[in-house]
Amino acid sequence: MTEKMSFEEANEKLEKTVEQMENKSMTLSENVELYAQACELLSFCINELESCKSRIEDINEKIRSLGNGEAQELDNGE
């Protein structure tokens, strides 16, 4: 279900699924099905966020290493 979704699409669908679950006229069976969908969407969103966090950390590490390299060059008079 979530393979081709963007984070934004999955998050929006998750919000709508939760709204549906809050509808008091839903049967137990319908709520269980919606709960399963919500769990899958939530898992996808968490994985996407973790992936982005990791990428940001990698970028920040590269920036820090560039900054350290420039500082060393200045210290060596280069």
N, C-alpha and C. Protein backbone atom coordinates (compact mmCIF):
# COMPACT_ATOMS: atom_id res chain seq x y z
N MET A 1 0.82 -1.20 0.00
CA MET A 1 0.00 0.00 0.00
C MET A 1 0.86 1.26 0.00
N THR A 2 2.00 1.26 0.70
CA THR A 2 2.76 2.49 0.87
C THR A 2 3.99 2.58 -0.03
N GLU A 3 4.23 1.58 -0.87
CA GLU A 3 5.46 1.56 -1.67
C GLU A 3 5.63 2.79 -2.55
N LYS A 4 4.59 3.27 -3.14
CA LYS A 4 4.67 4.38 -4.09
C LYS A 4 4.25 5.71 -3.50
N MET A 5 4.00 5.74 -2.20
CA MET A 5 3.54 6.97 -1.55
C MET A 5 4.72 7.81 -1.10
N SER A 6 4.48 9.10 -1.12
CA SER A 6 5.45 10.00 -0.49
C SER A 6 5.11 10.06 0.99
N PHE A 7 6.03 10.62 1.77
CA PHE A 7 5.77 10.80 3.19
C PHE A 7 4.50 11.63 3.39
N GLU A 8 4.39 12.71 2.64
CA GLU A 8 3.24 13.61 2.78
C GLU A 8 1.93 12.90 2.48
N GLU A 9 1.91 12.08 1.44
CA GLU A 9 0.70 11.34 1.09
C GLU A 9 0.34 10.34 2.20
N ALA A 10 1.34 9.63 2.69
CA ALA A 10 1.10 8.64 3.74
C ALA A 10 0.62 9.32 5.02
N ASN A 11 1.22 10.45 5.36
CA ASN A 11 0.82 11.17 6.56
C ASN A 11 -0.62 11.67 6.45
N GLU A 12 -0.98 12.18 5.29
CA GLU A 12 -2.35 12.65 5.08
C GLU A 12 -3.34 11.48 5.17
N LYS A 13 -2.98 10.36 4.56
CA LYS A 13 -3.85 9.18 4.62
C LYS A 13 -3.96 8.67 6.05
N LEU A 14 -2.88 8.73 6.81
CA LEU A 14 -2.91 8.33 8.21
C LEU A 14 -3.87 9.21 8.99
N GLU A 15 -3.80 10.52 8.78
CA GLU A 15 -4.70 11.44 9.47
C GLU A 15 -6.15 11.14 9.14
N LYS A 16 -6.45 10.87 7.87
CA LYS A 16 -7.82 10.55 7.47
C LYS A 16 -8.28 9.23 8.07
N THR A 17 -7.36 8.27 8.15
CA THR A 17 -7.70 6.97 8.73
C THR A 17 -8.05 7.12 10.21
N VAL A 18 -7.27 7.93 10.92
CA VAL A 18 -7.55 8.17 12.34
C VAL A 18 -8.90 8.86 12.50
N GLU A 19 -9.20 9.83 11.63
CA GLU A 19 -10.51 10.49 11.68
C GLU A 19 -11.63 9.49 11.49
N GLN A 20 -11.45 8.56 10.55
CA GLN A 20 -12.46 7.53 10.32
C GLN A 20 -12.64 6.66 11.56
N MET A 21 -11.54 6.33 12.22
CA MET A 21 -11.60 5.48 13.41
C MET A 21 -12.34 6.17 14.55
N GLU A 22 -12.31 7.49 14.56
CA GLU A 22 -12.99 8.24 15.61
C GLU A 22 -14.49 8.31 15.39
N ASN A 23 -14.95 7.89 14.21
CA ASN A 23 -16.37 7.86 13.89
C ASN A 23 -17.04 6.75 14.71
N LYS A 24 -17.96 7.14 15.54
CA LYS A 24 -18.60 6.20 16.47
C LYS A 24 -19.48 5.16 15.77
N SER A 25 -19.82 5.39 14.51
CA SER A 25 -20.72 4.46 13.84
C SER A 25 -19.98 3.30 13.15
N MET A 26 -18.67 3.27 13.27
CA MET A 26 -17.90 2.19 12.65
C MET A 26 -18.05 0.92 13.47
N THR A 27 -18.08 -0.20 12.78
CA THR A 27 -18.15 -1.49 13.49
C THR A 27 -16.76 -1.84 14.02
N LEU A 28 -16.73 -2.80 14.92
CA LEU A 28 -15.45 -3.26 15.47
C LEU A 28 -14.56 -3.80 14.36
N SER A 29 -15.12 -4.57 13.48
CA SER A 29 -14.37 -5.14 12.37
C SER A 29 -13.78 -4.06 11.47
N GLU A 30 -14.57 -3.04 11.19
CA GLU A 30 -14.09 -1.92 10.37
C GLU A 30 -12.96 -1.17 11.09
N ASN A 31 -13.12 -0.98 12.39
CA ASN A 31 -12.08 -0.30 13.16
C ASN A 31 -10.79 -1.10 13.20
N VAL A 32 -10.88 -2.41 13.30
CA VAL A 32 -9.68 -3.25 13.30
C VAL A 32 -8.96 -3.14 11.96
N GLU A 33 -9.71 -3.14 10.88
CA GLU A 33 -9.10 -2.99 9.55
C GLU A 33 -8.43 -1.62 9.42
N LEU A 34 -9.11 -0.58 9.87
CA LEU A 34 -8.52 0.76 9.82
C LEU A 34 -7.28 0.85 10.71
N TYR A 35 -7.33 0.19 11.85
CA TYR A 35 -6.18 0.17 12.75
C TYR A 35 -4.97 -0.47 12.07
N ALA A 36 -5.20 -1.57 11.37
CA ALA A 36 -4.11 -2.24 10.64
C ALA A 36 -3.52 -1.31 9.58
N GLN A 37 -4.38 -0.61 8.86
CA GLN A 37 -3.91 0.35 7.85
C GLN A 37 -3.12 1.48 8.50
N ALA A 38 -3.64 1.97 9.63
CA ALA A 38 -2.96 3.07 10.33
C ALA A 38 -1.57 2.63 10.80
N CYS A 39 -1.47 1.42 11.30
CA CYS A 39 -0.16 0.92 11.77
C CYS A 39 0.83 0.82 10.61
N GLU A 40 0.38 0.36 9.46
CA GLU A 40 1.25 0.27 8.29
C GLU A 40 1.70 1.67 7.84
N LEU A 41 0.76 2.60 7.81
CA LEU A 41 1.10 3.97 7.42
C LEU A 41 2.05 4.62 8.42
N LEU A 42 1.80 4.40 9.70
CA LEU A 42 2.66 4.96 10.74
C LEU A 42 4.07 4.40 10.62
N SER A 43 4.18 3.12 10.41
CA SER A 43 5.49 2.48 10.24
C SER A 43 6.24 3.08 9.05
N PHE A 44 5.53 3.26 7.95
CA PHE A 44 6.14 3.87 6.76
C PHE A 44 6.63 5.28 7.07
N CYS A 45 5.80 6.07 7.74
CA CYS A 45 6.17 7.45 8.06
C CYS A 45 7.39 7.49 8.99
N ILE A 46 7.41 6.63 9.98
CA ILE A 46 8.55 6.59 10.91
C ILE A 46 9.82 6.21 10.15
N ASN A 47 9.74 5.23 9.28
CA ASN A 47 10.91 4.83 8.49
C ASN A 47 11.41 5.96 7.59
N GLU A 48 10.48 6.68 6.99
CA GLU A 48 10.87 7.81 6.14
C GLU A 48 11.55 8.90 6.96
N LEU A 49 11.02 9.20 8.13
CA LEU A 49 11.61 10.21 9.00
C LEU A 49 13.01 9.79 9.46
N GLU A 50 13.17 8.52 9.82
CA GLU A 50 14.48 8.02 10.24
C GLU A 50 15.49 8.09 9.10
N SER A 51 15.03 7.77 7.90
CA SER A 51 15.91 7.86 6.74
C SER A 51 16.36 9.29 6.49
N CYS A 52 15.44 10.22 6.58
CA CYS A 52 15.78 11.64 6.40
C CYS A 52 16.70 12.12 7.51
N LYS A 53 16.44 11.70 8.72
CA LYS A 53 17.29 12.09 9.85
C LYS A 53 18.72 11.60 9.61
N SER A 54 18.85 10.38 9.15
CA SER A 54 20.18 9.82 8.88
C SER A 54 20.89 10.60 7.78
N ARG A 55 20.16 10.95 6.74
CA ARG A 55 20.75 11.73 5.65
C ARG A 55 21.21 13.10 6.14
N ILE A 56 20.39 13.74 6.98
CA ILE A 56 20.75 15.06 7.53
C ILE A 56 21.99 14.94 8.40
N GLU A 57 22.06 13.89 9.22
CA GLU A 57 23.24 13.69 10.06
C GLU A 57 24.49 13.48 9.21
N ASP A 58 24.36 12.73 8.11
CA ASP A 58 25.50 12.53 7.19
C ASP A 58 25.95 13.85 6.59
N ILE A 59 24.99 14.64 6.16
CA ILE A 59 25.32 15.95 5.57
C ILE A 59 26.01 16.83 6.59
N ASN A 60 25.47 16.87 7.80
CA ASN A 60 26.07 17.69 8.86
C ASN A 60 27.48 17.22 9.19
N GLU A 61 27.71 15.92 9.18
CA GLU A 61 29.04 15.39 9.44
C GLU A 61 30.02 15.82 8.34
N LYS A 62 29.57 15.79 7.09
CA LYS A 62 30.42 16.24 5.98
C LYS A 62 30.74 17.73 6.13
N ILE A 63 29.75 18.50 6.54
CA ILE A 63 29.98 19.93 6.73
C ILE A 63 31.00 20.16 7.85
N ARG A 64 30.84 19.41 8.95
CA ARG A 64 31.79 19.55 10.05
C ARG A 64 33.19 19.16 9.63
N SER A 65 33.31 18.09 8.85
CA SER A 65 34.64 17.65 8.42
C SER A 65 35.26 18.66 7.46
N LEU A 66 34.44 19.30 6.62
CA LEU A 66 34.96 20.35 5.75
C LEU A 66 35.44 21.53 6.58
N GLY A 67 34.67 21.89 7.58
CA GLY A 67 35.05 22.99 8.46
C GLY A 67 36.34 22.70 9.19
N ASN A 68 36.52 21.46 9.65
CA ASN A 68 37.75 21.08 10.35
C ASN A 68 38.94 21.10 9.40
N GLY A 69 38.74 20.68 8.18
CA GLY A 69 39.82 20.69 7.19
C GLY A 69 40.27 22.10 6.88
N GLU A 70 39.34 23.03 6.75
CA GLU A 70 39.68 24.42 6.49
C GLU A 70 40.42 25.04 7.67
N ALA A 71 40.01 24.69 8.88
CA ALA A 71 40.67 25.22 10.07
C ALA A 71 42.09 24.70 10.16
N GLN A 72 42.32 23.45 9.81
CA GLN A 72 43.67 22.88 9.85
C GLN A 72 44.55 23.55 8.81
N GLU A 73 44.00 23.82 7.64
CA GLU A 73 44.78 24.49 6.60
C GLU A 73 45.22 25.87 7.07
N LEU A 74 44.33 26.60 7.73
CA LEU A 74 44.66 27.93 8.23
C LEU A 74 45.72 27.83 9.33
N ASP A 75 45.64 26.83 10.19
CA ASP A 75 46.61 26.65 11.26
C ASP A 75 47.99 26.33 10.70
N ASN A 76 48.03 25.63 9.57
CA ASN A 76 49.30 25.26 8.95
C ASN A 76 49.84 26.36 8.05
N GLY A 77 49.12 27.46 7.92
CA GLY A 77 49.56 28.56 7.11
C GLY A 77 49.36 28.33 5.61
N GLU A 78 48.53 27.40 5.27
CA GLU A 78 48.29 27.10 3.85
C GLU A 78 47.23 27.98 3.26
